[in-house]
């Protein structure tokens, strides 16, 4: 899974895009299962007061997982590696 920053007025224009993965299969429950070595994002929730982004994702087609990031750090990551 990667990330991209899009223009608010013209969302087809990409401002920046991460070169590195934000999320990839790293641990056994993401690597071993019905579909091995796969993670796929399903939903994301943003908590404005804390700036925390929570991503729900599936791993190996057998588990549902959570990953957390802080939006300012995520934006910095995407811009620095675009």
N, C-alpha and C. Protein backbone atom coordinates (compact mmCIF):
# COMPACT_ATOMS: atom_id res chain seq x y z
N UNK A 1 0.84 -1.17 0.00
CA UNK A 1 0.00 0.00 0.00
C UNK A 1 0.89 1.23 0.00
N UNK A 2 0.54 2.18 -0.82
CA UNK A 2 1.26 3.45 -0.86
C UNK A 2 0.29 4.59 -0.56
N UNK A 3 0.72 5.80 -0.81
CA UNK A 3 -0.12 6.97 -0.56
C UNK A 3 0.18 8.04 -1.61
N UNK A 4 -0.81 8.88 -1.84
CA UNK A 4 -0.64 9.98 -2.78
C UNK A 4 -1.36 11.21 -2.25
N UNK A 5 -0.83 12.38 -2.56
CA UNK A 5 -1.49 13.64 -2.25
C UNK A 5 -2.06 14.18 -3.56
N UNK A 6 -3.35 14.47 -3.54
CA UNK A 6 -4.03 14.96 -4.74
C UNK A 6 -4.44 16.40 -4.55
N UNK A 7 -4.52 17.14 -5.64
CA UNK A 7 -4.99 18.52 -5.63
C UNK A 7 -6.46 18.54 -5.22
N UNK A 8 -6.84 19.42 -4.29
CA UNK A 8 -8.22 19.47 -3.81
C UNK A 8 -9.20 19.91 -4.89
N UNK A 9 -8.80 20.84 -5.74
CA UNK A 9 -9.70 21.35 -6.77
C UNK A 9 -9.70 20.47 -8.02
N UNK A 10 -8.58 19.85 -8.30
CA UNK A 10 -8.46 18.99 -9.48
C UNK A 10 -7.86 17.66 -9.03
N UNK A 11 -8.68 16.78 -8.44
CA UNK A 11 -8.15 15.58 -7.81
C UNK A 11 -7.47 14.59 -8.74
N UNK A 12 -7.56 14.79 -10.03
CA UNK A 12 -6.84 13.93 -10.97
C UNK A 12 -5.36 14.33 -11.06
N UNK A 13 -5.02 15.48 -10.48
CA UNK A 13 -3.62 15.93 -10.47
C UNK A 13 -2.93 15.43 -9.20
N UNK A 14 -1.85 14.70 -9.39
CA UNK A 14 -1.09 14.15 -8.27
C UNK A 14 -0.02 15.16 -7.86
N UNK A 15 -0.05 15.56 -6.59
CA UNK A 15 0.94 16.50 -6.05
C UNK A 15 2.21 15.75 -5.64
N UNK A 16 2.01 14.63 -4.96
CA UNK A 16 3.13 13.80 -4.51
C UNK A 16 2.63 12.38 -4.33
N UNK A 17 3.58 11.44 -4.46
CA UNK A 17 3.24 10.02 -4.34
C UNK A 17 4.40 9.31 -3.67
N UNK A 18 4.08 8.45 -2.72
CA UNK A 18 5.16 7.76 -2.00
C UNK A 18 5.86 6.76 -2.91
N UNK A 19 7.18 6.72 -2.80
CA UNK A 19 7.96 5.72 -3.54
C UNK A 19 8.00 4.42 -2.73
N UNK A 20 8.14 4.56 -1.42
CA UNK A 20 8.22 3.40 -0.53
C UNK A 20 6.82 2.98 -0.11
N UNK A 21 6.67 1.71 0.23
CA UNK A 21 5.39 1.21 0.74
C UNK A 21 5.13 1.75 2.13
N UNK A 22 3.87 2.04 2.40
CA UNK A 22 3.44 2.35 3.76
C UNK A 22 3.16 1.07 4.52
N UNK A 23 2.67 0.09 3.78
CA UNK A 23 2.26 -1.16 4.40
C UNK A 23 2.57 -2.29 3.43
N UNK A 24 3.24 -3.31 3.91
CA UNK A 24 3.54 -4.49 3.11
C UNK A 24 3.57 -5.69 4.05
N UNK A 25 3.40 -6.90 3.53
CA UNK A 25 3.38 -8.08 4.41
C UNK A 25 4.73 -8.30 5.09
N UNK A 26 4.74 -8.17 6.40
CA UNK A 26 5.99 -8.26 7.15
C UNK A 26 5.99 -9.35 8.21
N UNK A 27 4.82 -9.68 8.74
CA UNK A 27 4.73 -10.62 9.87
C UNK A 27 3.96 -11.87 9.44
N UNK A 28 4.11 -12.98 10.17
CA UNK A 28 3.50 -14.24 9.73
C UNK A 28 2.00 -14.17 9.42
N UNK A 29 1.21 -13.46 10.22
CA UNK A 29 -0.24 -13.42 9.94
C UNK A 29 -0.57 -12.63 8.67
N UNK A 30 0.38 -11.90 8.10
CA UNK A 30 0.19 -11.22 6.82
C UNK A 30 0.80 -12.06 5.67
N UNK A 31 1.65 -12.99 6.02
CA UNK A 31 2.38 -13.76 5.03
C UNK A 31 1.83 -15.17 4.81
N UNK A 32 1.14 -15.71 5.81
CA UNK A 32 0.65 -17.08 5.73
C UNK A 32 -0.86 -17.08 5.89
N UNK A 33 -1.57 -17.64 4.91
CA UNK A 33 -3.02 -17.69 4.98
C UNK A 33 -3.61 -18.10 3.66
N UNK A 34 -4.89 -17.81 3.47
CA UNK A 34 -5.59 -18.19 2.24
C UNK A 34 -4.94 -17.59 1.00
N UNK A 35 -4.53 -16.33 1.09
CA UNK A 35 -3.79 -15.65 0.01
C UNK A 35 -2.51 -15.13 0.65
N UNK A 36 -1.41 -15.86 0.55
CA UNK A 36 -0.20 -15.48 1.26
C UNK A 36 0.45 -14.21 0.72
N UNK A 37 1.19 -13.55 1.62
CA UNK A 37 1.98 -12.36 1.27
C UNK A 37 1.16 -11.24 0.66
N UNK A 38 0.04 -10.92 1.31
CA UNK A 38 -0.78 -9.81 0.82
C UNK A 38 -1.39 -9.05 1.99
N UNK A 39 -1.39 -7.73 1.86
CA UNK A 39 -2.14 -6.86 2.76
C UNK A 39 -2.97 -5.93 1.88
N UNK A 40 -4.16 -5.60 2.33
CA UNK A 40 -5.02 -4.73 1.53
C UNK A 40 -5.85 -3.84 2.43
N UNK A 41 -5.76 -2.52 2.23
CA UNK A 41 -6.52 -1.59 3.05
C UNK A 41 -8.01 -1.72 2.76
N UNK A 42 -8.81 -1.58 3.81
CA UNK A 42 -10.26 -1.68 3.69
C UNK A 42 -10.96 -0.38 4.06
N UNK A 43 -10.46 0.31 5.08
CA UNK A 43 -11.08 1.54 5.54
C UNK A 43 -10.06 2.35 6.33
N UNK A 44 -10.33 3.64 6.45
CA UNK A 44 -9.46 4.51 7.24
C UNK A 44 -10.33 5.49 8.02
N UNK A 45 -9.93 5.75 9.25
CA UNK A 45 -10.62 6.71 10.11
C UNK A 45 -9.61 7.74 10.58
N UNK A 46 -10.02 9.00 10.55
CA UNK A 46 -9.13 10.08 10.98
C UNK A 46 -9.69 10.73 12.23
N UNK A 47 -8.87 10.83 13.27
CA UNK A 47 -9.25 11.49 14.52
C UNK A 47 -8.61 12.88 14.53
N UNK A 48 -9.39 13.88 14.19
CA UNK A 48 -8.86 15.25 14.04
C UNK A 48 -8.19 15.77 15.31
N UNK A 49 -8.78 15.59 16.51
CA UNK A 49 -8.13 16.15 17.71
C UNK A 49 -6.71 15.62 17.95
N UNK A 50 -6.47 14.35 17.63
CA UNK A 50 -5.14 13.78 17.87
C UNK A 50 -4.27 13.75 16.62
N UNK A 51 -4.90 13.90 15.43
CA UNK A 51 -4.16 13.81 14.18
C UNK A 51 -3.83 12.39 13.77
N UNK A 52 -4.45 11.42 14.45
CA UNK A 52 -4.13 10.01 14.19
C UNK A 52 -5.05 9.41 13.12
N UNK A 53 -4.43 8.71 12.21
CA UNK A 53 -5.14 7.99 11.15
C UNK A 53 -5.06 6.51 11.49
N UNK A 54 -6.21 5.84 11.48
CA UNK A 54 -6.27 4.39 11.72
C UNK A 54 -6.70 3.72 10.43
N UNK A 55 -5.93 2.76 9.97
CA UNK A 55 -6.23 2.03 8.74
C UNK A 55 -6.59 0.60 9.11
N UNK A 56 -7.77 0.18 8.70
CA UNK A 56 -8.17 -1.22 8.83
C UNK A 56 -7.70 -1.92 7.56
N UNK A 57 -7.05 -3.05 7.72
CA UNK A 57 -6.56 -3.76 6.54
C UNK A 57 -6.64 -5.27 6.74
N UNK A 58 -6.70 -5.98 5.64
CA UNK A 58 -6.72 -7.43 5.69
C UNK A 58 -5.32 -7.97 5.47
N UNK A 59 -5.06 -9.11 6.09
CA UNK A 59 -3.77 -9.76 5.93
C UNK A 59 -3.94 -11.21 5.51
N UNK A 60 -3.32 -11.58 4.41
CA UNK A 60 -3.31 -12.96 3.89
C UNK A 60 -4.72 -13.52 3.72
N UNK A 61 -5.70 -12.66 3.58
CA UNK A 61 -7.10 -13.05 3.40
C UNK A 61 -7.65 -13.87 4.56
N UNK A 62 -7.04 -13.73 5.75
CA UNK A 62 -7.51 -14.49 6.90
C UNK A 62 -7.72 -13.65 8.15
N UNK A 63 -7.12 -12.46 8.23
CA UNK A 63 -7.24 -11.63 9.43
C UNK A 63 -7.55 -10.19 9.06
N UNK A 64 -8.15 -9.48 10.01
CA UNK A 64 -8.36 -8.04 9.89
C UNK A 64 -7.43 -7.38 10.89
N UNK A 65 -6.71 -6.35 10.45
CA UNK A 65 -5.68 -5.72 11.27
C UNK A 65 -5.91 -4.21 11.33
N UNK A 66 -5.19 -3.56 12.22
CA UNK A 66 -5.19 -2.11 12.34
C UNK A 66 -3.76 -1.60 12.25
N UNK A 67 -3.60 -0.46 11.59
CA UNK A 67 -2.32 0.24 11.56
C UNK A 67 -2.61 1.70 11.88
N UNK A 68 -1.70 2.34 12.57
CA UNK A 68 -1.88 3.73 12.97
C UNK A 68 -0.74 4.59 12.43
N UNK A 69 -1.09 5.82 12.08
CA UNK A 69 -0.10 6.82 11.68
C UNK A 69 -0.63 8.19 12.07
N UNK A 70 0.26 9.14 12.17
CA UNK A 70 -0.17 10.51 12.41
C UNK A 70 -0.10 11.25 11.09
N UNK A 71 -1.20 11.92 10.75
CA UNK A 71 -1.33 12.53 9.44
C UNK A 71 -0.19 13.47 9.07
N UNK A 72 0.25 14.37 9.94
CA UNK A 72 1.38 15.23 9.55
C UNK A 72 2.64 14.43 9.18
N UNK A 73 2.91 13.35 9.91
CA UNK A 73 4.07 12.51 9.60
C UNK A 73 3.86 11.77 8.28
N UNK A 74 2.64 11.33 8.03
CA UNK A 74 2.33 10.64 6.79
C UNK A 74 2.50 11.56 5.59
N UNK A 75 2.01 12.78 5.70
CA UNK A 75 2.17 13.75 4.61
C UNK A 75 3.65 14.05 4.37
N UNK A 76 4.40 14.20 5.44
CA UNK A 76 5.85 14.44 5.31
C UNK A 76 6.52 13.26 4.62
N UNK A 77 6.14 12.04 4.98
CA UNK A 77 6.70 10.82 4.38
C UNK A 77 6.43 10.81 2.87
N UNK A 78 5.20 11.13 2.47
CA UNK A 78 4.85 11.12 1.05
C UNK A 78 5.62 12.21 0.29
N UNK A 79 5.68 13.39 0.84
CA UNK A 79 6.38 14.49 0.14
C UNK A 79 7.89 14.25 0.05
N UNK A 80 8.47 13.68 1.08
CA UNK A 80 9.92 13.47 1.10
C UNK A 80 10.35 12.36 0.16
N UNK A 81 9.46 11.47 -0.17
CA UNK A 81 9.82 10.30 -0.98
C UNK A 81 9.09 10.29 -2.31
N UNK A 82 8.62 11.43 -2.76
CA UNK A 82 7.90 11.45 -4.05
C UNK A 82 8.87 11.66 -5.20
